[in-house]
Amino acid sequence: MRRRMPLAAVALAVGAVTLSACAAGGSTSTGSGGNGEDVELTFFTFETPNLTPEYWDEAVARASAEVPGVKINRIVGENSLDYLQKLWSSGQAPDIIVGGPALEPFVAKGQLASWSEDEMGELEVPANFVGEIDGKVYALPQIGAQTIPLVYYNADLFAKAGIKEAPGSWDELVETCEQLTDAGIKAIEVGGGGGETWVTMVTSSAIIQADVLGEDPEWFDKRGEGEVSFSDDEFVAAAQKVADLSEKGCYDTDGLSRTYAETEQAFRDQKAAMYPMGNWFAAAADTTPLDFELGVFAMPGESGNPMPVVTGPGLAVNAEAPDVDLAKKWALAFQTNEKNVQANIKTDGGLVGEEIELPDGLGDAYLATNDAYREALANDETVPAAFYIQGVTPPGFATAIEPAVVDLINLRMTAEEFGAFLDQKWDELEVE
């Protein structure tokens, strides 16, 4: 595992939705195996190639062992705001949820229980925590963070194209893409099929945020205040870079019909040399080893190589759960159980600071990624992940603009049209 040193520094963002892919499905039942008098609670989860049914069931069992009197019925669905809202509107609202999607719509309707300081145990609420709304905490603070994204690359394909090191500037990235293309190698893997257009968003946001947020980490806050717009020159210029790479043939555009899992497999099959993706790919690469040497770098921009890091809300509890207090105790146990924390590190590549001891047996891909995270924390340089900043972007904004991101890469929409579309969607959702 090789990585360019030093990677651009990072710190905790104001928070974001989790981007691990979601699988709709049925439900399974796990729990404490009680005596028939246990309180039954539903727990909404999502499954990915990393977060398998076994992962969730084992984590549920560990939490249930700490909190007697609870039986957990696990619900499996899509990790999206729209999906959860449909569950609530159809009378199937879960009692406990993984707090990835935006919380504001549920808080506005009184659907989530607030947490007191005592109920959160030793968990500390970080500054600007998105789970805190109007002075009340509605979700447990997460332990750990994610990078969305880094750029993972196939060092063997780089070498085949005569490339000796990862790009450290935008000009070097363009040159890298051109060298790969000249060698008959697709430069950048993209995805977005099967309704999982968020995969395309990952690539575009990596390029855009490197410039926009690398220059001004508070840009999205200013958009919320009406001080800037997506039609401004700096944003349009960053979006134009996405289109420029498409015009140069840098993307594996066949990937736009692939699901998230298929996109990862395409990178494994060496259909392209670079793969912008969240840090959870490092865990996947360590779990199922690759057939090539893997490297990683932060997407370069005009002002450096900012690595976007996101933290978000952890578990939240339905205000109408059969036993809210018991649901909170179980949620706290689930999130703070030491083996659960270490399982998440091993399984989904959760990034942690120096205060968390890493489990044994971690692979090179994870260690390189987490080293970069810790280095960035130490340098106290921050950029949030574009488009996914809860409490700043309107609820549902990321999902609403995903089709436009696909159009930008496909050159069906200009950078100017893209910026205007984002302004329109922001204003529409802000009014709602």
Protein backbone atom coordinates (compact mmCIF):
# COMPACT_ATOMS: atom_id res chain seq x y z
CA MET A 1 0.00 0.00 0.00
CA ARG A 2 1.48 3.33 -0.98
CA ARG A 3 0.17 6.82 -0.50
CA ARG A 4 1.40 10.27 -1.32
CA MET A 5 2.76 12.02 1.77
CA PRO A 6 1.71 14.27 3.16
CA LEU A 7 -1.95 13.99 2.26
CA ALA A 8 -3.88 17.21 2.59
CA ALA A 9 -4.97 17.77 6.13
CA VAL A 10 -8.51 17.21 7.28
CA ALA A 11 -10.65 17.53 10.34
CA LEU A 12 -14.21 16.85 11.34
CA ALA A 13 -16.87 18.30 9.09
CA VAL A 14 -20.14 19.72 10.26
CA GLY A 15 -21.67 16.34 9.52
CA ALA A 16 -22.98 14.37 6.60
CA VAL A 17 -25.16 11.56 5.54
CA THR A 18 -23.44 8.24 5.35
CA LEU A 19 -22.79 7.20 1.79
CA SER A 20 -22.36 3.49 2.13
CA ALA A 21 -24.66 1.91 -0.45
CA CYS A 22 -28.05 0.63 0.64
CA ALA A 23 -29.91 -2.55 -0.10
CA ALA A 24 -33.68 -2.69 0.15
CA GLY A 25 -34.99 -5.91 1.61
CA GLY A 26 -37.05 -7.66 4.22
CA SER A 27 -36.40 -7.97 7.91
CA THR A 28 -34.70 -10.33 10.26
CA SER A 29 -35.18 -10.81 13.97
CA THR A 30 -32.40 -10.88 16.52
CA GLY A 31 -32.30 -9.97 20.15
CA SER A 32 -31.77 -10.99 23.70
CA GLY A 33 -33.65 -14.25 23.46
CA GLY A 34 -35.92 -13.27 26.32
CA ASN A 35 -38.74 -14.99 28.12
CA GLY A 36 -41.60 -13.74 26.00
CA GLU A 37 -42.00 -10.61 28.12
CA ASP A 38 -39.23 -8.62 26.50
CA VAL A 39 -40.06 -5.27 24.93
CA GLU A 40 -39.90 -5.66 21.15
CA LEU A 41 -38.22 -2.82 19.28
CA THR A 42 -37.60 -2.42 15.57
CA PHE A 43 -34.13 -1.33 14.44
CA PHE A 44 -33.73 0.18 10.97
CA THR A 45 -30.46 -0.78 9.26
CA PHE A 46 -29.03 -0.88 5.75
CA GLU A 47 -26.78 -3.51 4.21
CA THR A 48 -23.75 -3.10 1.94
CA PRO A 49 -20.92 -5.34 0.72
CA ASN A 50 -19.16 -4.35 3.97
CA LEU A 51 -22.13 -4.13 6.34
CA THR A 52 -23.48 -7.61 5.87
CA PRO A 53 -26.42 -9.24 7.68
CA GLU A 54 -23.89 -11.06 9.87
CA TYR A 55 -22.22 -7.78 10.82
CA TRP A 56 -25.50 -6.25 11.97
CA ASP A 57 -26.76 -9.37 13.73
CA GLU A 58 -23.57 -9.77 15.73
CA ALA A 59 -23.54 -6.10 16.70
CA VAL A 60 -27.20 -6.30 17.73
CA ALA A 61 -26.49 -9.37 19.86
CA ARG A 62 -23.63 -7.62 21.67
CA ALA A 63 -25.82 -4.63 22.53
CA SER A 64 -28.73 -6.82 23.58
CA ALA A 65 -26.46 -8.74 25.96
CA GLU A 66 -25.84 -5.46 27.79
CA VAL A 67 -29.51 -4.43 27.99
CA PRO A 68 -31.83 -7.18 29.24
CA GLY A 69 -35.52 -7.11 28.47
CA VAL A 70 -35.22 -6.10 24.82
CA LYS A 71 -35.92 -8.06 21.67
CA ILE A 72 -34.72 -6.38 18.49
CA ASN A 73 -36.45 -6.92 15.15
CA ARG A 74 -34.07 -5.66 12.51
CA ILE A 75 -35.57 -3.89 9.47
CA VAL A 76 -33.45 -3.68 6.31
CA GLY A 77 -33.97 -0.84 3.85
CA GLU A 78 -32.44 2.05 1.91
CA ASN A 79 -30.28 4.51 3.78
CA SER A 80 -32.11 7.56 2.47
CA LEU A 81 -34.34 10.33 3.75
CA ASP A 82 -37.06 9.45 1.25
CA TYR A 83 -37.16 5.79 2.30
CA LEU A 84 -37.43 6.59 6.00
CA GLN A 85 -40.15 9.16 5.39
CA LYS A 86 -42.12 6.51 3.50
CA LEU A 87 -41.80 4.15 6.47
CA TRP A 88 -43.19 6.82 8.77
CA SER A 89 -46.02 7.77 6.44
CA SER A 90 -47.02 4.12 5.99
CA GLY A 91 -47.20 3.43 9.72
CA GLN A 92 -44.00 1.35 9.73
CA ALA A 93 -41.74 3.82 11.53
CA PRO A 94 -38.83 2.02 13.23
CA ASP A 95 -38.15 2.49 16.92
CA ILE A 96 -34.39 2.94 16.48
CA ILE A 97 -32.64 4.16 13.34
CA VAL A 98 -29.08 4.53 12.12
CA GLY A 99 -28.96 8.32 11.89
CA GLY A 100 -27.55 8.72 8.39
CA PRO A 101 -30.37 10.62 6.66
CA ALA A 102 -31.13 14.22 7.60
CA LEU A 103 -32.89 14.51 10.95
CA GLU A 104 -34.61 17.88 10.57
CA PRO A 105 -37.82 16.68 8.87
CA PHE A 106 -38.43 14.15 11.64
CA VAL A 107 -37.58 16.59 14.42
CA ALA A 108 -39.95 19.17 12.93
CA LYS A 109 -42.81 16.67 13.23
CA GLY A 110 -41.87 15.60 16.77
CA GLN A 111 -40.98 12.10 15.59
CA LEU A 112 -37.60 11.76 17.32
CA ALA A 113 -36.87 11.68 21.05
CA SER A 114 -34.30 14.13 22.41
CA TRP A 115 -31.40 12.98 24.56
CA SER A 116 -30.31 14.44 27.89
CA GLU A 117 -26.63 14.65 28.81
CA ASP A 118 -27.06 11.84 31.35
CA GLU A 119 -28.70 9.58 28.76
CA MET A 120 -25.67 9.91 26.47
CA GLY A 121 -23.28 8.53 29.07
CA GLU A 122 -19.67 9.42 28.32
CA LEU A 123 -20.34 10.46 24.72
CA GLU A 124 -19.48 14.10 24.12
CA VAL A 125 -21.39 16.32 21.72
CA PRO A 126 -18.90 17.93 19.32
CA ALA A 127 -19.13 21.53 18.21
CA ASN A 128 -21.56 22.11 15.33
CA PHE A 129 -22.95 18.59 15.78
CA VAL A 130 -25.72 18.07 13.25
CA GLY A 131 -27.63 15.84 15.63
CA GLU A 132 -28.20 18.91 17.82
CA ILE A 133 -31.14 20.98 16.62
CA ASP A 134 -32.48 24.06 18.40
CA GLY A 135 -30.42 23.26 21.47
CA LYS A 136 -31.55 19.64 21.81
CA VAL A 137 -29.70 16.46 20.83
CA TYR A 138 -31.73 14.03 18.73
CA ALA A 139 -29.07 11.45 17.85
CA LEU A 140 -26.02 10.05 19.57
CA PRO A 141 -22.71 11.49 18.35
CA GLN A 142 -20.89 9.01 16.15
CA ILE A 143 -17.63 7.45 17.19
CA GLY A 144 -15.31 7.88 14.24
CA ALA A 145 -15.62 9.54 10.86
CA GLN A 146 -15.54 8.95 7.12
CA THR A 147 -13.70 10.48 4.21
CA ILE A 148 -15.91 11.10 1.18
CA PRO A 149 -13.95 10.58 -0.88
CA LEU A 150 -10.30 9.76 -1.28
CA VAL A 151 -8.97 8.57 -4.62
CA TYR A 152 -7.80 4.96 -4.55
CA TYR A 153 -5.60 3.98 -7.47
CA ASN A 154 -4.10 0.95 -9.17
CA ALA A 155 -0.34 1.44 -8.83
CA ASP A 156 0.31 -1.34 -11.36
CA LEU A 157 -1.72 0.44 -14.07
CA PHE A 158 0.03 3.69 -13.19
CA ALA A 159 3.37 1.98 -13.72
CA LYS A 160 2.19 0.47 -17.00
CA ALA A 161 1.42 4.00 -18.23
CA GLY A 162 4.82 5.26 -17.05
CA ILE A 163 3.40 7.17 -14.05
CA LYS A 164 5.77 7.09 -11.09
CA GLU A 165 3.72 8.77 -8.35
CA ALA A 166 0.27 9.99 -7.49
CA PRO A 167 -0.70 13.47 -8.72
CA GLY A 168 -0.19 16.29 -6.26
CA SER A 169 -1.84 19.11 -8.21
CA TRP A 170 -4.75 19.48 -10.62
CA ASP A 171 -2.41 19.85 -13.58
CA GLU A 172 -0.67 16.65 -12.56
CA LEU A 173 -4.03 14.89 -12.28
CA VAL A 174 -4.96 15.95 -15.81
CA GLU A 175 -1.54 14.80 -17.04
CA THR A 176 -2.04 11.47 -15.24
CA CYS A 177 -5.42 11.02 -16.93
CA GLU A 178 -3.91 11.80 -20.33
CA GLN A 179 -1.03 9.37 -19.82
CA LEU A 180 -3.42 6.62 -18.84
CA THR A 181 -5.70 7.35 -21.79
CA ASP A 182 -2.74 7.32 -24.20
CA ALA A 183 -1.81 3.89 -22.78
CA GLY A 184 -5.32 2.60 -23.51
CA ILE A 185 -6.33 2.64 -19.84
CA LYS A 186 -9.48 4.33 -18.56
CA ALA A 187 -8.45 6.80 -15.89
CA ILE A 188 -11.39 7.11 -13.50
CA GLU A 189 -14.02 4.56 -12.54
CA VAL A 190 -17.54 5.92 -12.08
CA GLY A 191 -20.87 4.33 -11.26
CA GLY A 192 -24.47 5.31 -10.78
CA GLY A 193 -26.73 2.62 -12.21
CA GLY A 194 -29.55 0.80 -10.49
CA GLY A 195 -30.76 3.99 -8.86
CA GLU A 196 -27.44 4.45 -7.04
CA THR A 197 -26.58 7.76 -8.65
CA TRP A 198 -24.86 8.78 -5.41
CA VAL A 199 -21.82 6.88 -6.72
CA THR A 200 -21.51 9.41 -9.54
CA MET A 201 -21.89 12.20 -7.00
CA VAL A 202 -18.82 10.93 -5.14
CA THR A 203 -16.54 11.51 -8.14
CA SER A 204 -17.94 14.94 -8.98
CA SER A 205 -17.96 16.16 -5.40
CA ALA A 206 -14.32 15.13 -5.01
CA ILE A 207 -13.35 17.44 -7.87
CA ILE A 208 -15.65 20.33 -6.98
CA GLN A 209 -15.01 20.43 -3.25
CA ALA A 210 -11.23 20.35 -3.75
CA ASP A 211 -11.52 23.85 -5.24
CA VAL A 212 -14.64 25.36 -3.70
CA LEU A 213 -14.24 24.14 -0.13
CA GLY A 214 -10.48 23.97 -0.32
CA GLU A 215 -10.56 27.71 -0.91
CA ASP A 216 -13.40 28.46 1.52
CA PRO A 217 -14.51 25.68 3.92
CA GLU A 218 -17.55 27.77 4.89
CA TRP A 219 -18.79 28.15 1.31
CA PHE A 220 -21.95 26.08 1.87
CA ASP A 221 -22.77 28.00 5.04
CA LYS A 222 -22.53 31.16 2.97
CA ARG A 223 -24.82 29.63 0.35
CA GLY A 224 -27.36 29.09 3.08
CA GLU A 225 -27.08 32.78 3.98
CA GLY A 226 -27.45 33.81 0.34
CA GLU A 227 -23.93 35.26 0.18
CA VAL A 228 -22.80 32.99 -2.67
CA SER A 229 -24.51 30.87 -5.31
CA PHE A 230 -23.81 27.81 -7.42
CA SER A 231 -23.86 30.11 -10.44
CA ASP A 232 -20.85 32.07 -9.16
CA ASP A 233 -17.67 31.86 -11.18
CA GLU A 234 -15.70 29.81 -8.63
CA PHE A 235 -18.31 27.08 -8.45
CA VAL A 236 -18.93 26.94 -12.20
CA ALA A 237 -15.18 26.76 -12.82
CA ALA A 238 -14.90 23.78 -10.46
CA ALA A 239 -17.87 22.05 -12.12
CA GLN A 240 -16.27 22.68 -15.50
CA LYS A 241 -13.33 20.51 -14.41
CA VAL A 242 -15.74 17.57 -14.10
CA ALA A 243 -16.86 18.14 -17.68
CA ASP A 244 -13.31 18.71 -18.91
CA LEU A 245 -12.21 15.26 -17.77
CA SER A 246 -15.21 13.79 -19.59
CA GLU A 247 -14.29 15.58 -22.80
CA LYS A 248 -10.81 14.10 -22.51
CA GLY A 249 -12.28 10.58 -22.21
CA CYS A 250 -10.97 10.10 -18.68
CA TYR A 251 -14.04 8.38 -17.22
CA ASP A 252 -15.07 4.78 -17.67
CA THR A 253 -18.53 5.96 -18.70
CA ASP A 254 -19.71 2.37 -19.13
CA GLY A 255 -19.74 2.46 -15.35
CA LEU A 256 -22.68 4.85 -15.25
CA SER A 257 -24.96 1.84 -15.65
CA ARG A 258 -23.29 -0.06 -12.80
CA THR A 259 -24.55 -0.32 -9.25
CA TYR A 260 -22.27 0.50 -6.34
CA ALA A 261 -21.22 -3.12 -5.91
CA GLU A 262 -20.63 -3.49 -9.64
CA THR A 263 -18.58 -0.29 -9.69
CA GLU A 264 -16.30 -1.59 -6.97
CA GLN A 265 -15.93 -4.86 -8.86
CA ALA A 266 -15.06 -2.98 -12.04
CA PHE A 267 -12.18 -1.30 -10.22
CA ARG A 268 -11.11 -4.67 -8.87
CA ASP A 269 -11.23 -5.99 -12.44
CA GLN A 270 -8.89 -3.14 -13.47
CA LYS A 271 -11.30 -1.50 -15.86
CA ALA A 272 -9.99 1.88 -14.69
CA ALA A 273 -6.95 3.07 -12.77
CA MET A 274 -8.55 5.43 -10.22
CA TYR A 275 -11.59 4.99 -8.00
CA PRO A 276 -12.90 7.96 -5.97
CA MET A 277 -14.73 6.41 -3.02
CA GLY A 278 -15.27 6.73 0.70
CA ASN A 279 -12.87 5.24 3.21
CA TRP A 280 -15.03 2.13 3.57
CA PHE A 281 -13.39 0.88 0.38
CA ALA A 282 -10.16 0.47 2.34
CA ALA A 283 -11.90 -2.07 4.58
CA ALA A 284 -13.27 -3.87 1.53
CA ALA A 285 -9.80 -3.94 -0.06
CA ASP A 286 -8.32 -5.46 3.07
CA THR A 287 -11.11 -8.00 3.51
CA THR A 288 -11.01 -9.22 -0.09
CA PRO A 289 -7.47 -8.52 -1.31
CA LEU A 290 -6.88 -6.94 -4.69
CA ASP A 291 -4.79 -8.39 -7.51
CA PHE A 292 -2.70 -5.22 -7.71
CA GLU A 293 -0.87 -2.75 -5.52
CA LEU A 294 -3.22 -0.10 -4.16
CA GLY A 295 -2.39 3.54 -3.54
CA VAL A 296 -4.42 6.45 -2.23
CA PHE A 297 -4.33 10.23 -2.46
CA ALA A 298 -6.61 13.19 -1.84
CA MET A 299 -8.16 14.83 -4.89
CA PRO A 300 -5.99 17.88 -5.68
CA GLY A 301 -7.41 21.34 -6.18
CA GLU A 302 -6.09 24.80 -6.90
CA SER A 303 -5.38 25.51 -3.23
CA GLY A 304 -3.93 22.15 -2.22
CA ASN A 305 -5.18 18.64 -1.60
CA PRO A 306 -8.04 18.98 0.90
CA MET A 307 -9.33 15.68 2.22
CA PRO A 308 -13.05 15.92 3.03
CA VAL A 309 -14.06 14.29 6.29
CA VAL A 310 -17.59 13.87 7.54
CA THR A 311 -19.07 13.01 10.88
CA GLY A 312 -22.74 12.57 11.41
CA PRO A 313 -25.40 11.47 13.82
CA GLY A 314 -25.37 7.94 15.13
CA LEU A 315 -28.45 6.14 16.43
CA ALA A 316 -31.72 8.02 16.97
CA VAL A 317 -34.89 6.89 18.76
CA ASN A 318 -38.51 7.23 17.69
CA ALA A 319 -40.44 9.44 20.12
CA GLU A 320 -43.33 6.95 19.88
CA ALA A 321 -41.28 3.80 20.57
CA PRO A 322 -42.99 1.31 22.94
CA ASP A 323 -40.40 2.12 25.62
CA VAL A 324 -38.35 5.19 24.77
CA ASP A 325 -36.06 4.93 27.79
CA LEU A 326 -35.23 1.31 27.08
CA ALA A 327 -34.70 2.08 23.39
CA LYS A 328 -32.21 4.79 24.36
CA LYS A 329 -30.31 2.46 26.67
CA TRP A 330 -30.08 -0.14 23.94
CA ALA A 331 -29.00 2.42 21.32
CA LEU A 332 -26.26 3.72 23.62
CA ALA A 333 -25.06 0.19 24.28
CA PHE A 334 -25.00 -0.58 20.56
CA GLN A 335 -23.00 2.52 19.71
CA THR A 336 -20.49 2.42 22.57
CA ASN A 337 -19.88 -1.33 22.81
CA GLU A 338 -16.12 -1.67 22.36
CA LYS A 339 -16.40 -4.71 20.13
CA ASN A 340 -18.98 -2.93 17.98
CA VAL A 341 -16.65 0.06 17.56
CA GLN A 342 -13.77 -2.21 16.60
CA ALA A 343 -15.99 -4.26 14.30
CA ASN A 344 -16.96 -1.10 12.45
CA ILE A 345 -13.30 -0.16 12.08
CA LYS A 346 -12.49 -3.58 10.67
CA THR A 347 -15.60 -4.02 8.56
CA ASP A 348 -16.43 -0.57 7.23
CA GLY A 349 -13.17 1.31 7.69
CA GLY A 350 -14.45 3.78 10.29
CA LEU A 351 -11.72 6.35 10.96
CA VAL A 352 -10.74 7.20 14.53
CA GLY A 353 -8.36 9.55 16.29
CA GLU A 354 -5.53 8.77 18.65
CA GLU A 355 -7.93 8.37 21.58
CA ILE A 356 -9.30 5.11 20.13
CA GLU A 357 -7.07 2.04 20.23
CA LEU A 358 -7.04 0.25 16.89
CA PRO A 359 -7.82 -3.47 16.85
CA ASP A 360 -5.21 -5.98 15.77
CA GLY A 361 -5.16 -7.41 12.27
CA LEU A 362 -6.01 -4.29 10.28
CA GLY A 363 -4.86 -4.24 6.67
CA ASP A 364 -2.52 -1.86 4.89
CA ALA A 365 -5.32 -0.05 3.05
CA TYR A 366 -7.12 0.88 6.25
CA LEU A 367 -3.94 1.82 8.11
CA ALA A 368 -2.80 4.15 5.33
CA THR A 369 -6.21 5.82 5.24
CA ASN A 370 -6.46 6.20 9.02
CA ASP A 371 -2.88 7.48 9.25
CA ALA A 372 -3.84 10.23 6.81
CA TYR A 373 -6.91 11.03 8.90
CA ARG A 374 -4.92 11.28 12.12
CA GLU A 375 -2.25 13.36 10.44
CA ALA A 376 -4.91 15.73 9.20
CA LEU A 377 -6.51 16.05 12.62
CA ALA A 378 -3.14 16.92 14.07
CA ASN A 379 -2.71 19.67 11.47
CA ASP A 380 -6.17 21.11 12.27
CA GLU A 381 -7.09 21.80 8.64
CA THR A 382 -10.72 21.23 7.77
CA VAL A 383 -12.91 20.82 4.74
CA PRO A 384 -16.41 19.41 4.92
CA ALA A 385 -17.69 17.03 2.25
CA ALA A 386 -19.63 18.94 -0.40
CA PHE A 387 -23.39 18.46 -0.83
CA TYR A 388 -23.86 16.28 2.27
CA ILE A 389 -23.63 18.79 5.08
CA GLN A 390 -26.62 18.25 7.35
CA GLY A 391 -27.91 21.36 9.02
CA VAL A 392 -26.56 23.47 6.13
CA THR A 393 -27.84 21.94 2.90
CA PRO A 394 -31.63 21.59 2.68
CA PRO A 395 -32.93 18.08 3.48
CA GLY A 396 -32.92 15.91 0.38
CA PHE A 397 -30.64 18.26 -1.57
CA ALA A 398 -28.00 15.66 -2.43
CA THR A 399 -30.57 13.19 -3.74
CA ALA A 400 -32.34 15.89 -5.75
CA ILE A 401 -29.22 16.91 -7.65
CA GLU A 402 -27.77 13.46 -8.36
CA PRO A 403 -29.35 13.19 -11.86
CA ALA A 404 -27.77 16.51 -12.81
CA VAL A 405 -24.37 15.19 -11.75
CA VAL A 406 -24.81 12.28 -14.17
CA ASP A 407 -25.78 14.77 -16.90
CA LEU A 408 -22.67 16.85 -16.18
CA ILE A 409 -20.40 13.84 -16.63
CA ASN A 410 -22.31 12.76 -19.73
CA LEU A 411 -21.94 16.30 -21.14
CA ARG A 412 -25.71 16.64 -21.43
CA MET A 413 -25.52 19.67 -19.13
CA THR A 414 -22.99 22.49 -19.13
CA ALA A 415 -21.27 23.68 -15.98
CA GLU A 416 -23.35 26.86 -16.08
CA GLU A 417 -26.57 24.88 -16.42
CA PHE A 418 -25.43 22.61 -13.59
CA GLY A 419 -24.88 25.57 -11.28
CA ALA A 420 -28.26 27.07 -12.16
CA PHE A 421 -29.97 23.72 -11.54
CA LEU A 422 -28.36 23.43 -8.10
CA ASP A 423 -29.49 26.95 -7.20
CA GLN A 424 -33.02 26.09 -8.27
CA LYS A 425 -33.14 22.87 -6.23
CA TRP A 426 -31.60 24.51 -3.17
CA ASP A 427 -34.20 27.28 -3.20
CA GLU A 428 -37.08 24.86 -3.80
CA LEU A 429 -36.08 22.56 -0.94
CA GLU A 430 -35.28 25.44 1.39
CA VAL A 431 -38.81 26.78 0.94
CA GLU A 432 -40.30 23.34 1.63
